[in-house]
N, C-alpha and C. Protein backbone atom coordinates (compact mmCIF):
# COMPACT_ATOMS: atom_id res chain seq x y z
N MET A 1 24.55 -5.17 7.94
CA MET A 1 23.51 -4.57 8.79
C MET A 1 23.63 -5.11 10.21
N ARG A 2 23.61 -4.24 11.19
CA ARG A 2 23.74 -4.65 12.57
C ARG A 2 22.49 -5.37 13.05
N LEU A 3 22.66 -6.19 14.10
CA LEU A 3 21.54 -6.95 14.63
C LEU A 3 20.41 -6.04 15.08
N THR A 4 20.76 -4.89 15.66
CA THR A 4 19.74 -3.95 16.12
C THR A 4 18.89 -3.47 14.95
N GLU A 5 19.52 -3.15 13.82
CA GLU A 5 18.80 -2.68 12.64
C GLU A 5 17.92 -3.78 12.08
N ILE A 6 18.43 -5.02 12.07
CA ILE A 6 17.64 -6.14 11.57
C ILE A 6 16.40 -6.33 12.43
N TYR A 7 16.59 -6.24 13.75
CA TYR A 7 15.45 -6.39 14.67
C TYR A 7 14.41 -5.31 14.42
N LEU A 8 14.85 -4.06 14.28
CA LEU A 8 13.93 -2.96 14.07
C LEU A 8 13.13 -3.14 12.79
N LYS A 9 13.80 -3.54 11.72
CA LYS A 9 13.13 -3.67 10.43
C LYS A 9 12.27 -4.91 10.33
N GLU A 10 12.80 -6.03 10.80
CA GLU A 10 12.15 -7.32 10.57
C GLU A 10 11.19 -7.74 11.66
N VAL A 11 11.32 -7.20 12.85
CA VAL A 11 10.47 -7.62 13.96
C VAL A 11 9.67 -6.46 14.53
N PHE A 12 10.36 -5.47 15.04
CA PHE A 12 9.71 -4.38 15.76
C PHE A 12 8.69 -3.63 14.90
N LEU A 13 9.12 -3.18 13.71
CA LEU A 13 8.23 -2.40 12.86
C LEU A 13 7.04 -3.22 12.37
N LYS A 14 7.29 -4.47 11.99
CA LYS A 14 6.20 -5.33 11.52
C LYS A 14 5.15 -5.52 12.60
N GLU A 15 5.61 -5.89 13.80
CA GLU A 15 4.68 -6.13 14.90
C GLU A 15 3.91 -4.86 15.26
N PHE A 16 4.60 -3.73 15.27
CA PHE A 16 3.94 -2.48 15.64
C PHE A 16 2.85 -2.11 14.66
N TRP A 17 3.17 -2.06 13.36
CA TRP A 17 2.19 -1.62 12.36
C TRP A 17 1.04 -2.61 12.22
N ASN A 18 1.32 -3.90 12.35
CA ASN A 18 0.24 -4.89 12.28
C ASN A 18 -0.76 -4.69 13.41
N GLU A 19 -0.27 -4.41 14.59
CA GLU A 19 -1.16 -4.16 15.73
C GLU A 19 -1.84 -2.81 15.60
N PHE A 20 -1.11 -1.83 15.08
CA PHE A 20 -1.63 -0.47 14.97
C PHE A 20 -2.84 -0.41 14.04
N GLU A 21 -2.76 -1.09 12.91
CA GLU A 21 -3.83 -1.00 11.91
C GLU A 21 -5.11 -1.69 12.37
N LYS A 22 -5.01 -2.59 13.34
CA LYS A 22 -6.19 -3.27 13.85
C LYS A 22 -7.12 -2.32 14.62
N ASN A 23 -6.59 -1.19 15.03
CA ASN A 23 -7.36 -0.27 15.86
C ASN A 23 -8.14 0.77 15.07
N PHE A 24 -8.09 0.69 13.74
CA PHE A 24 -8.81 1.66 12.93
C PHE A 24 -10.23 1.18 12.65
N GLN A 25 -11.15 2.11 12.67
CA GLN A 25 -12.55 1.81 12.39
C GLN A 25 -12.79 1.81 10.89
N LEU A 26 -13.31 0.71 10.38
CA LEU A 26 -13.64 0.64 8.96
C LEU A 26 -14.82 1.55 8.64
N ASP A 27 -14.82 2.08 7.43
CA ASP A 27 -15.94 2.90 6.98
C ASP A 27 -17.15 2.00 6.71
N GLU A 28 -18.31 2.42 7.18
CA GLU A 28 -19.51 1.62 6.94
C GLU A 28 -19.88 1.61 5.46
N VAL A 29 -19.61 2.72 4.79
CA VAL A 29 -19.87 2.82 3.35
C VAL A 29 -18.54 3.08 2.66
N ILE A 30 -18.08 2.14 1.85
CA ILE A 30 -16.79 2.26 1.20
C ILE A 30 -16.78 3.46 0.26
N ASN A 31 -15.64 4.10 0.17
CA ASN A 31 -15.47 5.24 -0.72
C ASN A 31 -16.00 4.90 -2.11
N SER A 32 -16.84 5.77 -2.66
CA SER A 32 -17.54 5.45 -3.91
C SER A 32 -16.59 5.22 -5.08
N SER A 33 -15.54 6.03 -5.19
CA SER A 33 -14.62 5.86 -6.32
C SER A 33 -13.84 4.55 -6.18
N LEU A 34 -13.46 4.19 -4.95
CA LEU A 34 -12.78 2.91 -4.73
C LEU A 34 -13.73 1.76 -5.02
N SER A 35 -14.98 1.89 -4.58
CA SER A 35 -15.97 0.85 -4.83
C SER A 35 -16.15 0.61 -6.33
N ASN A 36 -16.21 1.69 -7.10
CA ASN A 36 -16.38 1.55 -8.55
C ASN A 36 -15.19 0.85 -9.19
N LEU A 37 -13.98 1.18 -8.73
CA LEU A 37 -12.78 0.54 -9.27
C LEU A 37 -12.75 -0.94 -8.92
N LEU A 38 -13.17 -1.29 -7.71
CA LEU A 38 -13.19 -2.69 -7.31
C LEU A 38 -14.20 -3.48 -8.14
N GLN A 39 -15.34 -2.87 -8.44
CA GLN A 39 -16.33 -3.54 -9.28
C GLN A 39 -15.79 -3.78 -10.69
N GLU A 40 -15.07 -2.78 -11.21
CA GLU A 40 -14.44 -2.96 -12.52
C GLU A 40 -13.40 -4.07 -12.48
N ALA A 41 -12.63 -4.10 -11.38
CA ALA A 41 -11.58 -5.10 -11.24
C ALA A 41 -12.16 -6.51 -11.18
N ASN A 42 -13.34 -6.65 -10.61
CA ASN A 42 -13.97 -7.97 -10.55
C ASN A 42 -14.11 -8.58 -11.95
N THR A 43 -14.49 -7.74 -12.90
CA THR A 43 -14.69 -8.21 -14.28
C THR A 43 -13.39 -8.23 -15.07
N LEU A 44 -12.65 -7.11 -15.01
CA LEU A 44 -11.48 -6.96 -15.86
C LEU A 44 -10.26 -7.74 -15.38
N ILE A 45 -10.17 -7.95 -14.05
CA ILE A 45 -8.96 -8.57 -13.51
C ILE A 45 -9.23 -9.94 -12.90
N PHE A 46 -10.07 -9.99 -11.90
CA PHE A 46 -10.24 -11.25 -11.16
C PHE A 46 -10.85 -12.34 -12.04
N ASN A 47 -11.82 -11.98 -12.87
CA ASN A 47 -12.37 -12.97 -13.81
C ASN A 47 -11.33 -13.36 -14.86
N LYS A 48 -10.60 -12.38 -15.35
CA LYS A 48 -9.59 -12.62 -16.38
C LYS A 48 -8.51 -13.58 -15.89
N PHE A 49 -8.05 -13.38 -14.65
CA PHE A 49 -6.99 -14.21 -14.09
C PHE A 49 -7.53 -15.43 -13.34
N ASN A 50 -8.86 -15.57 -13.32
CA ASN A 50 -9.49 -16.68 -12.62
C ASN A 50 -9.08 -16.73 -11.15
N ILE A 51 -9.15 -15.56 -10.51
CA ILE A 51 -8.82 -15.42 -9.09
C ILE A 51 -10.05 -14.94 -8.35
N LYS A 52 -10.33 -15.55 -7.22
CA LYS A 52 -11.38 -15.03 -6.34
C LYS A 52 -10.75 -13.97 -5.44
N PRO A 53 -11.44 -12.84 -5.20
CA PRO A 53 -10.88 -11.81 -4.32
C PRO A 53 -10.47 -12.34 -2.95
N SER A 54 -11.10 -13.44 -2.53
CA SER A 54 -10.79 -14.02 -1.22
C SER A 54 -9.53 -14.88 -1.21
N GLU A 55 -8.92 -15.09 -2.40
CA GLU A 55 -7.72 -15.90 -2.49
C GLU A 55 -6.47 -15.01 -2.40
N LYS A 56 -5.53 -15.44 -1.59
CA LYS A 56 -4.32 -14.64 -1.37
C LYS A 56 -3.29 -14.93 -2.46
N LYS A 57 -3.67 -14.54 -3.68
CA LYS A 57 -2.79 -14.71 -4.82
C LYS A 57 -2.40 -13.36 -5.43
N TYR A 58 -2.81 -12.29 -4.80
CA TYR A 58 -2.61 -10.93 -5.30
C TYR A 58 -2.64 -9.99 -4.10
N PHE A 59 -2.33 -8.74 -4.34
CA PHE A 59 -2.64 -7.70 -3.34
C PHE A 59 -2.86 -6.37 -4.06
N ILE A 60 -3.70 -5.56 -3.48
CA ILE A 60 -3.94 -4.21 -3.99
C ILE A 60 -2.90 -3.31 -3.35
N ALA A 61 -2.12 -2.64 -4.17
CA ALA A 61 -0.98 -1.86 -3.68
C ALA A 61 -1.32 -0.38 -3.60
N GLY A 62 -0.32 0.41 -3.25
CA GLY A 62 -0.49 1.86 -3.21
C GLY A 62 -1.37 2.34 -2.07
N SER A 63 -1.99 3.50 -2.29
CA SER A 63 -2.75 4.17 -1.24
C SER A 63 -4.19 3.71 -1.11
N ALA A 64 -4.64 2.77 -1.93
CA ALA A 64 -6.06 2.39 -1.95
C ALA A 64 -6.59 2.05 -0.56
N ARG A 65 -5.78 1.35 0.23
CA ARG A 65 -6.24 0.91 1.55
C ARG A 65 -6.60 2.08 2.45
N LEU A 66 -5.90 3.19 2.30
CA LEU A 66 -6.14 4.34 3.17
C LEU A 66 -7.54 4.90 3.00
N TYR A 67 -8.14 4.71 1.82
CA TYR A 67 -9.47 5.25 1.55
C TYR A 67 -10.56 4.48 2.28
N ILE A 68 -10.24 3.33 2.88
CA ILE A 68 -11.24 2.51 3.55
C ILE A 68 -11.54 3.03 4.95
N TYR A 69 -10.58 3.79 5.51
CA TYR A 69 -10.72 4.24 6.90
C TYR A 69 -10.97 5.74 6.95
N PRO A 70 -12.09 6.17 7.53
CA PRO A 70 -12.39 7.61 7.59
C PRO A 70 -11.34 8.41 8.34
N GLU A 71 -10.77 7.83 9.40
CA GLU A 71 -9.74 8.54 10.16
C GLU A 71 -8.52 8.82 9.30
N LEU A 72 -8.12 7.82 8.52
CA LEU A 72 -6.93 8.00 7.69
C LEU A 72 -7.18 8.97 6.55
N ARG A 73 -8.38 8.95 5.98
CA ARG A 73 -8.70 9.92 4.92
C ARG A 73 -8.58 11.34 5.46
N GLU A 74 -9.03 11.53 6.69
CA GLU A 74 -8.95 12.87 7.29
C GLU A 74 -7.50 13.26 7.57
N ILE A 75 -6.76 12.37 8.22
CA ILE A 75 -5.38 12.67 8.60
C ILE A 75 -4.50 12.92 7.39
N PHE A 76 -4.67 12.10 6.34
CA PHE A 76 -3.83 12.22 5.16
C PHE A 76 -4.44 13.13 4.09
N ASN A 77 -5.55 13.79 4.44
CA ASN A 77 -6.16 14.77 3.55
C ASN A 77 -6.56 14.17 2.21
N LEU A 78 -7.15 12.96 2.26
CA LEU A 78 -7.59 12.27 1.04
C LEU A 78 -9.04 12.67 0.77
N THR A 79 -9.22 13.90 0.30
CA THR A 79 -10.57 14.43 0.12
C THR A 79 -11.13 14.17 -1.27
N GLY A 80 -10.27 13.84 -2.21
CA GLY A 80 -10.73 13.65 -3.58
C GLY A 80 -10.98 12.19 -3.89
N ARG A 81 -11.07 11.90 -5.18
CA ARG A 81 -11.28 10.53 -5.65
C ARG A 81 -9.95 9.81 -5.73
N ILE A 82 -9.98 8.51 -5.50
CA ILE A 82 -8.77 7.71 -5.69
C ILE A 82 -8.42 7.71 -7.17
N GLY A 83 -7.15 7.92 -7.48
CA GLY A 83 -6.74 8.08 -8.87
C GLY A 83 -6.83 6.81 -9.69
N ASP A 84 -6.32 5.72 -9.14
CA ASP A 84 -6.32 4.46 -9.89
C ASP A 84 -6.17 3.30 -8.92
N LEU A 85 -6.22 2.10 -9.47
CA LEU A 85 -6.10 0.89 -8.66
C LEU A 85 -4.93 0.07 -9.19
N ASP A 86 -3.95 -0.16 -8.32
CA ASP A 86 -2.78 -0.95 -8.68
C ASP A 86 -2.91 -2.32 -8.03
N ILE A 87 -2.88 -3.36 -8.85
CA ILE A 87 -2.99 -4.73 -8.36
C ILE A 87 -1.74 -5.50 -8.75
N VAL A 88 -1.18 -6.24 -7.81
CA VAL A 88 0.03 -7.01 -8.07
C VAL A 88 -0.31 -8.50 -8.05
N ILE A 89 -0.03 -9.18 -9.17
CA ILE A 89 -0.22 -10.63 -9.29
C ILE A 89 1.12 -11.21 -9.72
N PRO A 90 1.88 -11.78 -8.80
CA PRO A 90 3.25 -12.21 -9.13
C PRO A 90 3.37 -13.59 -9.79
N ASP A 91 2.33 -14.40 -9.75
CA ASP A 91 2.41 -15.79 -10.23
C ASP A 91 2.37 -15.84 -11.76
N LYS A 92 3.45 -16.26 -12.38
CA LYS A 92 3.54 -16.33 -13.84
C LYS A 92 2.48 -17.27 -14.42
N ASN A 93 2.18 -18.36 -13.73
CA ASN A 93 1.19 -19.31 -14.22
C ASN A 93 -0.18 -18.66 -14.40
N LEU A 94 -0.53 -17.74 -13.52
CA LEU A 94 -1.81 -17.05 -13.63
C LEU A 94 -1.83 -16.14 -14.85
N TRP A 95 -0.70 -15.51 -15.14
CA TRP A 95 -0.61 -14.67 -16.33
C TRP A 95 -0.71 -15.53 -17.60
N ASP A 96 -0.04 -16.66 -17.59
CA ASP A 96 -0.09 -17.56 -18.75
C ASP A 96 -1.52 -18.06 -18.98
N SER A 97 -2.18 -18.46 -17.90
CA SER A 97 -3.55 -18.98 -18.01
C SER A 97 -4.52 -17.91 -18.51
N ALA A 98 -4.20 -16.65 -18.20
CA ALA A 98 -5.04 -15.54 -18.64
C ALA A 98 -4.71 -15.11 -20.07
N GLY A 99 -3.75 -15.78 -20.71
CA GLY A 99 -3.36 -15.42 -22.06
C GLY A 99 -2.48 -14.19 -22.11
N LEU A 100 -1.77 -13.93 -21.02
CA LEU A 100 -0.96 -12.71 -20.92
C LEU A 100 0.51 -13.04 -20.70
N GLY A 101 0.95 -14.18 -21.26
CA GLY A 101 2.34 -14.57 -21.11
C GLY A 101 3.30 -13.55 -21.71
N LYS A 102 2.93 -12.97 -22.84
CA LYS A 102 3.79 -11.97 -23.49
C LYS A 102 3.93 -10.73 -22.62
N GLU A 103 2.82 -10.30 -22.03
CA GLU A 103 2.85 -9.12 -21.15
C GLU A 103 3.74 -9.38 -19.94
N PHE A 104 3.67 -10.61 -19.42
CA PHE A 104 4.49 -10.97 -18.26
C PHE A 104 5.98 -10.88 -18.61
N GLN A 105 6.33 -11.39 -19.78
CA GLN A 105 7.73 -11.42 -20.18
C GLN A 105 8.25 -10.05 -20.59
N ALA A 106 7.35 -9.20 -21.08
CA ALA A 106 7.77 -7.88 -21.55
C ALA A 106 7.92 -6.90 -20.39
N GLU A 107 6.95 -6.03 -20.22
CA GLU A 107 7.05 -5.02 -19.17
C GLU A 107 6.48 -5.49 -17.84
N GLY A 108 5.73 -6.60 -17.86
CA GLY A 108 5.11 -7.07 -16.62
C GLY A 108 3.97 -6.18 -16.18
N ILE A 109 3.27 -5.60 -17.15
CA ILE A 109 2.15 -4.70 -16.85
C ILE A 109 0.97 -5.06 -17.74
N TYR A 110 -0.22 -5.04 -17.16
CA TYR A 110 -1.45 -5.27 -17.93
C TYR A 110 -2.42 -4.15 -17.62
N ARG A 111 -2.86 -3.45 -18.68
CA ARG A 111 -3.78 -2.32 -18.51
C ARG A 111 -5.06 -2.60 -19.30
N PRO A 112 -6.08 -3.13 -18.63
CA PRO A 112 -7.29 -3.52 -19.35
C PRO A 112 -8.27 -2.37 -19.58
N ALA A 113 -8.14 -1.29 -18.80
CA ALA A 113 -9.08 -0.17 -18.92
C ALA A 113 -8.53 0.87 -19.89
N SER A 114 -9.40 1.44 -20.69
CA SER A 114 -8.97 2.41 -21.70
C SER A 114 -8.34 3.65 -21.09
N ASN A 115 -8.74 4.00 -19.86
CA ASN A 115 -8.18 5.18 -19.21
C ASN A 115 -7.06 4.84 -18.23
N ASN A 116 -6.62 3.58 -18.26
CA ASN A 116 -5.54 3.12 -17.38
C ASN A 116 -5.86 3.29 -15.89
N SER A 117 -7.13 3.25 -15.56
CA SER A 117 -7.53 3.42 -14.15
C SER A 117 -7.22 2.18 -13.32
N ILE A 118 -7.00 1.04 -13.99
CA ILE A 118 -6.63 -0.19 -13.31
C ILE A 118 -5.40 -0.77 -13.99
N GLU A 119 -4.38 -1.04 -13.19
CA GLU A 119 -3.15 -1.61 -13.72
C GLU A 119 -2.77 -2.83 -12.91
N VAL A 120 -2.27 -3.85 -13.59
CA VAL A 120 -1.80 -5.07 -12.93
C VAL A 120 -0.30 -5.19 -13.17
N PHE A 121 0.43 -5.52 -12.12
CA PHE A 121 1.88 -5.64 -12.20
C PHE A 121 2.32 -7.02 -11.74
N THR A 122 3.48 -7.45 -12.21
CA THR A 122 4.06 -8.72 -11.75
C THR A 122 4.81 -8.53 -10.44
N VAL A 123 5.34 -7.33 -10.23
CA VAL A 123 6.06 -7.02 -8.99
C VAL A 123 5.64 -5.64 -8.52
N TRP A 124 5.85 -5.37 -7.24
CA TRP A 124 5.59 -4.03 -6.71
C TRP A 124 6.92 -3.30 -6.59
N ASP A 125 7.15 -2.34 -7.48
CA ASP A 125 8.41 -1.62 -7.52
C ASP A 125 8.13 -0.16 -7.87
N PRO A 126 7.83 0.68 -6.86
CA PRO A 126 7.50 2.09 -7.11
C PRO A 126 8.61 2.85 -7.84
N SER A 127 9.85 2.38 -7.74
CA SER A 127 10.95 3.11 -8.37
C SER A 127 10.79 3.19 -9.89
N LYS A 128 10.04 2.24 -10.48
CA LYS A 128 9.83 2.26 -11.92
C LYS A 128 9.02 3.47 -12.38
N ALA A 129 8.28 4.08 -11.43
CA ALA A 129 7.50 5.27 -11.77
C ALA A 129 8.38 6.50 -11.92
N GLY A 130 9.61 6.42 -11.42
CA GLY A 130 10.52 7.54 -11.52
C GLY A 130 10.13 8.70 -10.64
N GLY A 131 10.64 9.88 -10.95
CA GLY A 131 10.30 11.08 -10.19
C GLY A 131 10.62 10.93 -8.71
N GLN A 132 9.67 11.28 -7.85
CA GLN A 132 9.90 11.26 -6.42
C GLN A 132 10.09 9.85 -5.86
N TYR A 133 9.72 8.84 -6.67
CA TYR A 133 9.85 7.45 -6.22
C TYR A 133 11.10 6.77 -6.77
N ALA A 134 11.90 7.47 -7.55
CA ALA A 134 12.99 6.85 -8.30
C ALA A 134 13.96 6.06 -7.43
N ASP A 135 14.22 6.54 -6.22
CA ASP A 135 15.20 5.90 -5.35
C ASP A 135 14.57 5.05 -4.25
N VAL A 136 13.25 4.86 -4.30
CA VAL A 136 12.56 4.13 -3.24
C VAL A 136 12.79 2.64 -3.40
N GLN A 137 13.22 1.99 -2.34
CA GLN A 137 13.42 0.55 -2.33
C GLN A 137 12.45 -0.07 -1.33
N VAL A 138 11.72 -1.07 -1.76
CA VAL A 138 10.71 -1.69 -0.91
C VAL A 138 11.05 -3.17 -0.69
N ARG A 139 10.27 -3.80 0.18
CA ARG A 139 10.48 -5.23 0.44
C ARG A 139 10.19 -6.04 -0.82
N PRO A 140 10.73 -7.26 -0.91
CA PRO A 140 10.41 -8.13 -2.04
C PRO A 140 8.90 -8.35 -2.15
N THR A 141 8.42 -8.48 -3.38
CA THR A 141 6.99 -8.65 -3.62
C THR A 141 6.43 -9.86 -2.86
N SER A 142 7.20 -10.93 -2.77
CA SER A 142 6.72 -12.13 -2.07
C SER A 142 6.45 -11.83 -0.60
N GLU A 143 7.28 -11.00 0.02
CA GLU A 143 7.09 -10.64 1.43
C GLU A 143 5.89 -9.72 1.59
N ILE A 144 5.71 -8.80 0.65
CA ILE A 144 4.56 -7.90 0.72
C ILE A 144 3.27 -8.69 0.57
N LEU A 145 3.27 -9.66 -0.35
CA LEU A 145 2.10 -10.52 -0.53
C LEU A 145 1.81 -11.30 0.75
N GLN A 146 2.83 -11.86 1.34
CA GLN A 146 2.65 -12.63 2.57
C GLN A 146 2.10 -11.77 3.69
N GLY A 147 2.53 -10.50 3.74
CA GLY A 147 2.08 -9.60 4.80
C GLY A 147 0.77 -8.90 4.51
N SER A 148 0.21 -9.08 3.31
CA SER A 148 -1.05 -8.42 2.97
C SER A 148 -2.20 -9.00 3.80
N THR A 149 -3.20 -8.18 4.05
CA THR A 149 -4.34 -8.61 4.86
C THR A 149 -5.64 -8.29 4.15
N GLN A 150 -6.66 -9.05 4.49
CA GLN A 150 -7.95 -8.91 3.82
C GLN A 150 -8.82 -7.90 4.55
N VAL A 151 -9.34 -6.96 3.78
CA VAL A 151 -10.25 -5.94 4.30
C VAL A 151 -11.42 -5.82 3.33
N GLY A 152 -12.62 -6.01 3.82
CA GLY A 152 -13.79 -5.89 2.95
C GLY A 152 -13.80 -6.88 1.81
N GLY A 153 -13.17 -8.04 2.00
CA GLY A 153 -13.20 -9.08 0.97
C GLY A 153 -12.06 -9.04 -0.02
N TYR A 154 -11.14 -8.07 0.11
CA TYR A 154 -10.01 -7.94 -0.81
C TYR A 154 -8.70 -7.88 -0.02
N TYR A 155 -7.64 -8.37 -0.65
CA TYR A 155 -6.32 -8.32 -0.01
C TYR A 155 -5.60 -7.02 -0.38
N TYR A 156 -5.16 -6.31 0.65
CA TYR A 156 -4.46 -5.05 0.46
C TYR A 156 -3.05 -5.13 1.05
N MET A 157 -2.15 -4.39 0.46
CA MET A 157 -0.83 -4.19 1.03
C MET A 157 -0.98 -3.74 2.48
N SER A 158 -0.13 -4.24 3.35
CA SER A 158 -0.23 -3.90 4.77
C SER A 158 0.02 -2.42 5.00
N PHE A 159 -0.49 -1.93 6.12
CA PHE A 159 -0.29 -0.54 6.48
C PHE A 159 1.20 -0.24 6.62
N MET A 160 1.95 -1.21 7.15
CA MET A 160 3.40 -1.02 7.29
C MET A 160 4.06 -0.77 5.94
N ASP A 161 3.68 -1.54 4.92
CA ASP A 161 4.30 -1.37 3.62
C ASP A 161 3.89 -0.06 2.96
N ILE A 162 2.67 0.39 3.22
CA ILE A 162 2.25 1.69 2.69
C ILE A 162 3.08 2.80 3.32
N ILE A 163 3.18 2.79 4.65
CA ILE A 163 3.96 3.80 5.35
C ILE A 163 5.43 3.70 4.94
N ASP A 164 5.91 2.49 4.73
CA ASP A 164 7.32 2.27 4.41
C ASP A 164 7.73 3.03 3.16
N TYR A 165 6.93 2.92 2.08
CA TYR A 165 7.36 3.61 0.87
C TYR A 165 6.81 5.02 0.75
N LYS A 166 5.68 5.30 1.39
CA LYS A 166 5.12 6.63 1.29
C LYS A 166 5.88 7.65 2.12
N THR A 167 6.49 7.23 3.21
CA THR A 167 7.28 8.16 4.02
C THR A 167 8.78 7.96 3.80
N LEU A 168 9.12 7.09 2.81
CA LEU A 168 10.52 6.87 2.46
C LEU A 168 11.32 6.41 3.68
N LEU A 169 10.80 5.40 4.39
CA LEU A 169 11.43 4.93 5.61
C LEU A 169 12.84 4.39 5.39
N ASN A 170 13.15 3.99 4.18
CA ASN A 170 14.48 3.44 3.95
C ASN A 170 15.52 4.53 3.76
N ARG A 171 15.13 5.77 3.95
CA ARG A 171 16.05 6.87 3.73
C ARG A 171 16.24 7.68 4.99
N ASP A 172 16.37 9.00 4.87
CA ASP A 172 16.84 9.82 5.98
C ASP A 172 15.83 9.98 7.10
N LYS A 173 14.54 9.63 6.91
CA LYS A 173 13.54 9.86 7.94
C LYS A 173 13.28 8.63 8.81
N GLU A 174 13.96 7.53 8.53
CA GLU A 174 13.65 6.28 9.22
C GLU A 174 13.88 6.39 10.73
N LYS A 175 15.04 6.92 11.13
CA LYS A 175 15.35 7.00 12.55
C LYS A 175 14.35 7.87 13.31
N GLU A 176 13.96 8.99 12.67
CA GLU A 176 13.00 9.88 13.33
C GLU A 176 11.66 9.21 13.53
N VAL A 177 11.21 8.44 12.52
CA VAL A 177 9.92 7.76 12.62
C VAL A 177 9.98 6.66 13.68
N ILE A 178 11.08 5.93 13.74
CA ILE A 178 11.23 4.89 14.76
C ILE A 178 11.18 5.51 16.16
N LYS A 179 11.80 6.66 16.32
CA LYS A 179 11.75 7.35 17.62
C LYS A 179 10.31 7.68 17.99
N LEU A 180 9.53 8.14 17.01
CA LEU A 180 8.14 8.47 17.27
C LEU A 180 7.34 7.22 17.65
N ILE A 181 7.64 6.10 17.00
CA ILE A 181 6.95 4.85 17.31
C ILE A 181 7.23 4.44 18.75
N ILE A 182 8.49 4.54 19.16
CA ILE A 182 8.86 4.19 20.53
C ILE A 182 8.15 5.11 21.52
N GLN A 183 8.09 6.40 21.19
CA GLN A 183 7.38 7.35 22.06
C GLN A 183 5.90 7.01 22.15
N TYR A 184 5.32 6.60 21.03
CA TYR A 184 3.90 6.23 21.02
C TYR A 184 3.67 5.01 21.92
N LYS A 185 4.54 4.02 21.81
CA LYS A 185 4.41 2.82 22.62
C LYS A 185 4.60 3.13 24.10
N ASN A 186 5.36 4.16 24.40
CA ASN A 186 5.58 4.55 25.79
C ASN A 186 4.51 5.50 26.32
N GLY A 187 3.50 5.77 25.48
CA GLY A 187 2.38 6.60 25.92
C GLY A 187 2.59 8.09 25.84
N SER A 188 3.52 8.52 24.98
CA SER A 188 3.82 9.96 24.88
C SER A 188 2.81 10.74 24.06
N PHE A 189 1.94 10.04 23.32
CA PHE A 189 0.91 10.71 22.52
C PHE A 189 -0.46 10.36 23.09
N LYS A 190 -1.37 11.31 23.02
CA LYS A 190 -2.70 11.08 23.60
C LYS A 190 -3.53 10.12 22.77
N ASP A 191 -3.30 10.06 21.45
CA ASP A 191 -4.04 9.11 20.61
C ASP A 191 -3.28 8.89 19.30
N LYS A 192 -3.78 7.96 18.50
CA LYS A 192 -3.08 7.61 17.25
C LYS A 192 -3.14 8.72 16.22
N ARG A 193 -4.16 9.59 16.30
CA ARG A 193 -4.23 10.71 15.36
C ARG A 193 -3.05 11.66 15.57
N GLU A 194 -2.80 11.97 16.84
CA GLU A 194 -1.68 12.87 17.14
C GLU A 194 -0.36 12.24 16.70
N PHE A 195 -0.23 10.94 16.91
CA PHE A 195 0.98 10.21 16.51
C PHE A 195 1.19 10.28 15.00
N LEU A 196 0.16 9.99 14.22
CA LEU A 196 0.29 10.01 12.76
C LEU A 196 0.55 11.42 12.24
N ARG A 197 -0.09 12.40 12.85
CA ARG A 197 0.17 13.79 12.41
C ARG A 197 1.61 14.18 12.69
N GLN A 198 2.18 13.66 13.79
CA GLN A 198 3.57 13.95 14.08
C GLN A 198 4.49 13.30 13.07
N ILE A 199 4.12 12.11 12.61
CA ILE A 199 4.90 11.47 11.54
C ILE A 199 4.87 12.32 10.28
N LEU A 200 3.69 12.83 9.95
CA LEU A 200 3.57 13.66 8.76
C LEU A 200 4.36 14.95 8.91
N ASN A 201 4.37 15.50 10.11
CA ASN A 201 5.17 16.70 10.35
C ASN A 201 6.65 16.41 10.19
N THR A 202 7.05 15.19 10.55
CA THR A 202 8.45 14.80 10.46
C THR A 202 8.92 14.76 9.01
N ILE A 203 8.09 14.24 8.12
CA ILE A 203 8.51 14.16 6.71
C ILE A 203 8.24 15.45 5.96
N GLY A 204 7.50 16.38 6.58
CA GLY A 204 7.25 17.67 5.94
C GLY A 204 5.90 17.74 5.28
N GLU A 205 5.18 18.83 5.50
CA GLU A 205 3.81 18.97 5.02
C GLU A 205 3.71 18.84 3.51
N GLU A 206 4.58 19.53 2.79
CA GLU A 206 4.49 19.49 1.33
C GLU A 206 4.81 18.10 0.80
N ASN A 207 5.77 17.43 1.44
CA ASN A 207 6.12 16.07 1.00
C ASN A 207 4.95 15.12 1.14
N TYR A 208 4.28 15.15 2.32
CA TYR A 208 3.21 14.18 2.49
C TYR A 208 1.99 14.53 1.65
N LYS A 209 1.76 15.83 1.40
CA LYS A 209 0.65 16.18 0.51
C LYS A 209 0.88 15.61 -0.88
N ASN A 210 2.11 15.74 -1.36
CA ASN A 210 2.43 15.20 -2.69
C ASN A 210 2.34 13.69 -2.71
N LEU A 211 2.86 13.04 -1.67
CA LEU A 211 2.91 11.59 -1.65
C LEU A 211 1.55 10.95 -1.51
N PHE A 212 0.67 11.54 -0.70
CA PHE A 212 -0.60 10.88 -0.43
C PHE A 212 -1.75 11.35 -1.29
N THR A 213 -1.52 12.33 -2.17
CA THR A 213 -2.62 12.74 -3.04
C THR A 213 -2.40 12.28 -4.47
N THR A 214 -1.36 11.49 -4.71
CA THR A 214 -1.17 10.92 -6.04
C THR A 214 -1.99 9.66 -6.16
N GLY A 215 -2.03 9.11 -7.35
CA GLY A 215 -2.79 7.89 -7.57
C GLY A 215 -2.08 6.65 -7.06
N ASN A 216 -0.82 6.77 -6.69
CA ASN A 216 -0.06 5.60 -6.25
C ASN A 216 -0.50 5.13 -4.87
């Protein structure tokens, strides 16, 4: 990998998305379906693993974070209920203490809810879901955990990591998205809404509808 590519991936994109997400207005009233899932997780997951939501020992993965911001729900057309809650807990000791050592060694998945509305994973690897995610490669789980940030008392996957796998940045659309980011930084867009809509146009309307309306 050339130095320019390393800089873009490891420095430029991280700094840009971290700063970008700070400018979003949080919803005063959290999405009701997300709120219900978080309440269930308090009992089924955080108590089970003896983790406080304020401890950076886990992160909530997938699209859940997008439901916290009204602007993002509008832009990404998230009009329905969130499908499920994916939580990643990579520490084997926490699984052992929770009596889930066998689950850790087997598939690395724990499903405490009868309808599978909440799932816990040892690693974040969307490719295991197959289908449209089969070829998606993401950052190591340890890096995603380190980059996760707390919103409303819970740690969520960073906006950069959400965009990274949801728009398939590691594939053919990466260069186009980077160009849009540079244009945004140079003031070519009137606001962040126009910028994000242009990103969605770049990956294609049908693609982003499919990607952002799933439970992932």
